[in-house]
Amino acid sequence: MNGAFFAIIPLLFYLALIGFTIWFCTSLITAQKERNQILREISSKLDGTNIGKKEE
């Protein structure tokens, strides 16, 4: 009985590691999507301005 308990601990550790990795990847992808959306909005607002164009 005691040996079975110690055999389960590494399995739980690996499951927790896999779960953390999946959570981290999904949160990173979500943050990148939000960042891209904000940058897209900023870009569309700047399309109407004359920033960076030299007047001659």
PDB file of N, CA and C in Angstrom:
ATOM      1  N   MET A   1       0.827  -1.191   0.000  1.00  0.00           N
ATOM      2  CA  MET A   1       0.000   0.000   0.000  1.00  0.00           C
ATOM      3  C   MET A   1       0.868   1.250   0.000  1.00  0.00           C
ATOM      4  N   ASN A   2       1.937   1.199   0.776  1.00  0.00           N
ATOM      5  CA  ASN A   2       2.808   2.355   0.866  1.00  0.00           C
ATOM      6  C   ASN A   2       3.542   2.603  -0.444  1.00  0.00           C
ATOM      7  N   GLY A   3       3.918   1.541  -1.147  1.00  0.00           N
ATOM      8  CA  GLY A   3       4.618   1.680  -2.412  1.00  0.00           C
ATOM      9  C   GLY A   3       3.720   2.236  -3.503  1.00  0.00           C
ATOM     10  N   ALA A   4       2.425   1.908  -3.450  1.00  0.00           N
ATOM     11  CA  ALA A   4       1.497   2.421  -4.451  1.00  0.00           C
ATOM     12  C   ALA A   4       1.327   3.928  -4.312  1.00  0.00           C
ATOM     13  N   PHE A   5       1.382   4.425  -3.110  1.00  0.00           N
ATOM     14  CA  PHE A   5       1.265   5.873  -2.885  1.00  0.00           C
ATOM     15  C   PHE A   5       2.433   6.612  -3.520  1.00  0.00           C
ATOM     16  N   PHE A   6       3.634   6.081  -3.338  1.00  0.00           N
ATOM     17  CA  PHE A   6       4.814   6.725  -3.902  1.00  0.00           C
ATOM     18  C   PHE A   6       4.882   6.568  -5.417  1.00  0.00           C
ATOM     19  N   ALA A   7       4.175   5.609  -5.971  1.00  0.00           N
ATOM     20  CA  ALA A   7       4.134   5.449  -7.422  1.00  0.00           C
ATOM     21  C   ALA A   7       3.189   6.467  -8.055  1.00  0.00           C
ATOM     22  N   ILE A   8       2.204   6.937  -7.309  1.00  0.00           N
ATOM     23  CA  ILE A   8       1.225   7.891  -7.835  1.00  0.00           C
ATOM     24  C   ILE A   8       1.791   9.313  -7.842  1.00  0.00           C
ATOM     25  N   ILE A   9       2.692   9.626  -6.935  1.00  0.00           N
ATOM     26  CA  ILE A   9       3.226  10.993  -6.818  1.00  0.00           C
ATOM     27  C   ILE A   9       3.875  11.482  -8.117  1.00  0.00           C
ATOM     28  N   PRO A  10       4.752  10.707  -8.761  1.00  0.00           N
ATOM     29  CA  PRO A  10       5.317  11.204 -10.030  1.00  0.00           C
ATOM     30  C   PRO A  10       4.259  11.396 -11.110  1.00  0.00           C
ATOM     31  N   LEU A  11       3.265  10.531 -11.136  1.00  0.00           N
ATOM     32  CA  LEU A  11       2.185  10.658 -12.111  1.00  0.00           C
ATOM     33  C   LEU A  11       1.427  11.969 -11.890  1.00  0.00           C
ATOM     34  N   LEU A  12       1.132  12.305 -10.650  1.00  0.00           N
ATOM     35  CA  LEU A  12       0.452  13.563 -10.343  1.00  0.00           C
ATOM     36  C   LEU A  12       1.321  14.758 -10.702  1.00  0.00           C
ATOM     37  N   PHE A  13       2.609  14.623 -10.464  1.00  0.00           N
ATOM     38  CA  PHE A  13       3.526  15.705 -10.818  1.00  0.00           C
ATOM     39  C   PHE A  13       3.520  15.956 -12.324  1.00  0.00           C
ATOM     40  N   TYR A  14       3.592  14.895 -13.116  1.00  0.00           N
ATOM     41  CA  TYR A  14       3.601  15.054 -14.568  1.00  0.00           C
ATOM     42  C   TYR A  14       2.265  15.590 -15.075  1.00  0.00           C
ATOM     43  N   LEU A  15       1.168  15.153 -14.492  1.00  0.00           N
ATOM     44  CA  LEU A  15      -0.136  15.690 -14.887  1.00  0.00           C
ATOM     45  C   LEU A  15      -0.252  17.174 -14.561  1.00  0.00           C
ATOM     46  N   ALA A  16       0.264  17.565 -13.403  1.00  0.00           N
ATOM     47  CA  ALA A  16       0.247  18.981 -13.031  1.00  0.00           C
ATOM     48  C   ALA A  16       1.138  19.790 -13.975  1.00  0.00           C
ATOM     49  N   LEU A  17       2.269  19.251 -14.352  1.00  0.00           N
ATOM     50  CA  LEU A  17       3.167  19.934 -15.272  1.00  0.00           C
ATOM     51  C   LEU A  17       2.522  20.106 -16.647  1.00  0.00           C
ATOM     52  N   ILE A  18       1.861  19.088 -17.134  1.00  0.00           N
ATOM     53  CA  ILE A  18       1.162  19.167 -18.420  1.00  0.00           C
ATOM     54  C   ILE A  18       0.023  20.180 -18.334  1.00  0.00           C
ATOM     55  N   GLY A  19      -0.731  20.143 -17.245  1.00  0.00           N
ATOM     56  CA  GLY A  19      -1.823  21.098 -17.060  1.00  0.00           C
ATOM     57  C   GLY A  19      -1.334  22.534 -17.008  1.00  0.00           C
ATOM     58  N   PHE A  20      -0.237  22.773 -16.306  1.00  0.00           N
ATOM     59  CA  PHE A  20       0.328  24.122 -16.226  1.00  0.00           C
ATOM     60  C   PHE A  20       0.804  24.582 -17.600  1.00  0.00           C
ATOM     61  N   THR A  21       1.426  23.690 -18.362  1.00  0.00           N
ATOM     62  CA  THR A  21       1.911  24.041 -19.695  1.00  0.00           C
ATOM     63  C   THR A  21       0.755  24.414 -20.615  1.00  0.00           C
ATOM     64  N   ILE A  22      -0.319  23.649 -20.579  1.00  0.00           N
ATOM     65  CA  ILE A  22      -1.487  23.950 -21.411  1.00  0.00           C
ATOM     66  C   ILE A  22      -2.101  25.277 -20.995  1.00  0.00           C
ATOM     67  N   TRP A  23      -2.224  25.514 -19.688  1.00  0.00           N
ATOM     68  CA  TRP A  23      -2.773  26.786 -19.204  1.00  0.00           C
ATOM     69  C   TRP A  23      -1.905  27.960 -19.643  1.00  0.00           C
ATOM     70  N   PHE A  24      -0.601  27.819 -19.510  1.00  0.00           N
ATOM     71  CA  PHE A  24       0.315  28.896 -19.882  1.00  0.00           C
ATOM     72  C   PHE A  24       0.216  29.209 -21.374  1.00  0.00           C
ATOM     73  N   CYS A  25       0.170  28.178 -22.201  1.00  0.00           N
ATOM     74  CA  CYS A  25       0.079  28.389 -23.652  1.00  0.00           C
ATOM     75  C   CYS A  25      -1.230  29.074 -24.032  1.00  0.00           C
ATOM     76  N   THR A  26      -2.335  28.649 -23.452  1.00  0.00           N
ATOM     77  CA  THR A  26      -3.612  29.273 -23.798  1.00  0.00           C
ATOM     78  C   THR A  26      -3.678  30.714 -23.306  1.00  0.00           C
ATOM     79  N   SER A  27      -3.142  30.995 -22.132  1.00  0.00           N
ATOM     80  CA  SER A  27      -3.162  32.382 -21.652  1.00  0.00           C
ATOM     81  C   SER A  27      -2.229  33.253 -22.486  1.00  0.00           C
ATOM     82  N   LEU A  28      -1.111  32.715 -22.931  1.00  0.00           N
ATOM     83  CA  LEU A  28      -0.197  33.471 -23.780  1.00  0.00           C
ATOM     84  C   LEU A  28      -0.837  33.775 -25.135  1.00  0.00           C
ATOM     85  N   ILE A  29      -1.508  32.799 -25.720  1.00  0.00           N
ATOM     86  CA  ILE A  29      -2.185  33.012 -26.999  1.00  0.00           C
ATOM     87  C   ILE A  29      -3.295  34.041 -26.856  1.00  0.00           C
ATOM     88  N   THR A  30      -4.045  33.987 -25.772  1.00  0.00           N
ATOM     89  CA  THR A  30      -5.112  34.961 -25.539  1.00  0.00           C
ATOM     90  C   THR A  30      -4.547  36.371 -25.394  1.00  0.00           C
ATOM     91  N   ALA A  31      -3.458  36.512 -24.665  1.00  0.00           N
ATOM     92  CA  ALA A  31      -2.834  37.831 -24.491  1.00  0.00           C
ATOM     93  C   ALA A  31      -2.318  38.367 -25.822  1.00  0.00           C
ATOM     94  N   GLN A  32      -1.755  37.492 -26.646  1.00  0.00           N
ATOM     95  CA  GLN A  32      -1.260  37.934 -27.950  1.00  0.00           C
ATOM     96  C   GLN A  32      -2.401  38.358 -28.872  1.00  0.00           C
ATOM     97  N   LYS A  33      -3.525  37.645 -28.803  1.00  0.00           N
ATOM     98  CA  LYS A  33      -4.686  38.034 -29.616  1.00  0.00           C
ATOM     99  C   LYS A  33      -5.211  39.400 -29.188  1.00  0.00           C
ATOM    100  N   GLU A  34      -5.274  39.652 -27.876  1.00  0.00           N
ATOM    101  CA  GLU A  34      -5.732  40.951 -27.386  1.00  0.00           C
ATOM    102  C   GLU A  34      -4.762  42.053 -27.800  1.00  0.00           C
ATOM    103  N   ARG A  35      -3.471  41.791 -27.722  1.00  0.00           N
ATOM    104  CA  ARG A  35      -2.461  42.765 -28.132  1.00  0.00           C
ATOM    105  C   ARG A  35      -2.575  43.081 -29.616  1.00  0.00           C
ATOM    106  N   ASN A  36      -2.768  42.053 -30.430  1.00  0.00           N
ATOM    107  CA  ASN A  36      -2.913  42.272 -31.868  1.00  0.00           C
ATOM    108  C   ASN A  36      -4.161  43.087 -32.182  1.00  0.00           C
ATOM    109  N   GLN A  37      -5.241  42.847 -31.449  1.00  0.00           N
ATOM    110  CA  GLN A  37      -6.479  43.599 -31.673  1.00  0.00           C
ATOM    111  C   GLN A  37      -6.269  45.077 -31.337  1.00  0.00           C
ATOM    112  N   ILE A  38      -5.593  45.354 -30.232  1.00  0.00           N
ATOM    113  CA  ILE A  38      -5.325  46.738 -29.842  1.00  0.00           C
ATOM    114  C   ILE A  38      -4.429  47.410 -30.877  1.00  0.00           C
ATOM    115  N   LEU A  39      -3.394  46.710 -31.328  1.00  0.00           N
ATOM    116  CA  LEU A  39      -2.515  47.287 -32.345  1.00  0.00           C
ATOM    117  C   LEU A  39      -3.245  47.507 -33.666  1.00  0.00           C
ATOM    118  N   ARG A  40      -4.167  46.630 -34.000  1.00  0.00           N
ATOM    119  CA  ARG A  40      -4.966  46.789 -35.215  1.00  0.00           C
ATOM    120  C   ARG A  40      -5.835  48.047 -35.118  1.00  0.00           C
ATOM    121  N   GLU A  41      -6.427  48.280 -33.941  1.00  0.00           N
ATOM    122  CA  GLU A  41      -7.247  49.478 -33.735  1.00  0.00           C
ATOM    123  C   GLU A  41      -6.394  50.746 -33.823  1.00  0.00           C
ATOM    124  N   ILE A  42      -5.221  50.722 -33.221  1.00  0.00           N
ATOM    125  CA  ILE A  42      -4.328  51.880 -33.283  1.00  0.00           C
ATOM    126  C   ILE A  42      -3.914  52.137 -34.728  1.00  0.00           C
ATOM    127  N   SER A  43      -3.601  51.083 -35.443  1.00  0.00           N
ATOM    128  CA  SER A  43      -3.185  51.230 -36.837  1.00  0.00           C
ATOM    129  C   SER A  43      -4.300  51.819 -37.695  1.00  0.00           C
ATOM    130  N   SER A  44      -5.516  51.376 -37.471  1.00  0.00           N
ATOM    131  CA  SER A  44      -6.627  51.902 -38.266  1.00  0.00           C
ATOM    132  C   SER A  44      -6.890  53.368 -37.933  1.00  0.00           C
ATOM    133  N   LYS A  45      -6.650  53.782 -36.699  1.00  0.00           N
ATOM    134  CA  LYS A  45      -6.821  55.190 -36.339  1.00  0.00           C
ATOM    135  C   LYS A  45      -5.723  56.049 -36.941  1.00  0.00           C
ATOM    136  N   LEU A  46      -4.528  55.488 -37.103  1.00  0.00           N
ATOM    137  CA  LEU A  46      -3.412  56.250 -37.647  1.00  0.00           C
ATOM    138  C   LEU A  46      -3.437  56.307 -39.175  1.00  0.00           C
ATOM    139  N   ASP A  47      -4.247  55.486 -39.810  1.00  0.00           N
ATOM    140  CA  ASP A  47      -4.308  55.486 -41.272  1.00  0.00           C
ATOM    141  C   ASP A  47      -4.771  56.828 -41.823  1.00  0.00           C
ATOM    142  N   GLY A  48      -5.588  57.545 -41.117  1.00  0.00           N
ATOM    143  CA  GLY A  48      -6.115  58.815 -41.590  1.00  0.00           C
ATOM    144  C   GLY A  48      -5.204  59.989 -41.336  1.00  0.00           C
ATOM    145  N   THR A  49      -4.123  59.805 -40.607  1.00  0.00           N
ATOM    146  CA  THR A  49      -3.244  60.927 -40.290  1.00  0.00           C
ATOM    147  C   THR A  49      -2.087  60.977 -41.267  1.00  0.00           C
ATOM    148  N   ASN A  50      -1.340  62.082 -41.231  1.00  0.00           N
ATOM    149  CA  ASN A  50      -0.209  62.269 -42.114  1.00  0.00           C
ATOM    150  C   ASN A  50       1.112  62.136 -41.370  1.00  0.00           C
ATOM    151  N   ILE A  51       1.195  61.243 -40.430  1.00  0.00           N
ATOM    152  CA  ILE A  51       2.409  61.061 -39.645  1.00  0.00           C
ATOM    153  C   ILE A  51       3.476  60.423 -40.536  1.00  0.00           C
ATOM    154  N   GLY A  52       4.662  61.001 -40.494  1.00  0.00           N
ATOM    155  CA  GLY A  52       5.777  60.450 -41.233  1.00  0.00           C
ATOM    156  C   GLY A  52       5.880  60.914 -42.667  1.00  0.00           C
ATOM    157  N   LYS A  53       4.945  61.683 -43.147  1.00  0.00           N
ATOM    158  CA  LYS A  53       5.001  62.195 -44.514  1.00  0.00           C
ATOM    159  C   LYS A  53       5.585  63.596 -44.493  1.00  0.00           C
ATOM    160  N   LYS A  54       6.581  63.811 -45.329  1.00  0.00           N
ATOM    161  CA  LYS A  54       7.218  65.130 -45.398  1.00  0.00           C
ATOM    162  C   LYS A  54       6.386  66.054 -46.281  1.00  0.00           C
ATOM    163  N   GLU A  55       6.270  67.281 -45.817  1.00  0.00           N
ATOM    164  CA  GLU A  55       5.583  68.293 -46.622  1.00  0.00           C
ATOM    165  C   GLU A  55       6.613  69.043 -47.432  1.00  0.00           C
ATOM    166  N   GLU A  56       6.379  69.181 -48.711  1.00  0.00           N
ATOM    167  CA  GLU A  56       7.333  69.880 -49.576  1.00  0.00           C
ATOM    168  C   GLU A  56       6.790  71.192 -50.042  1.00  0.00           C
TER     169      GLU A  56
END
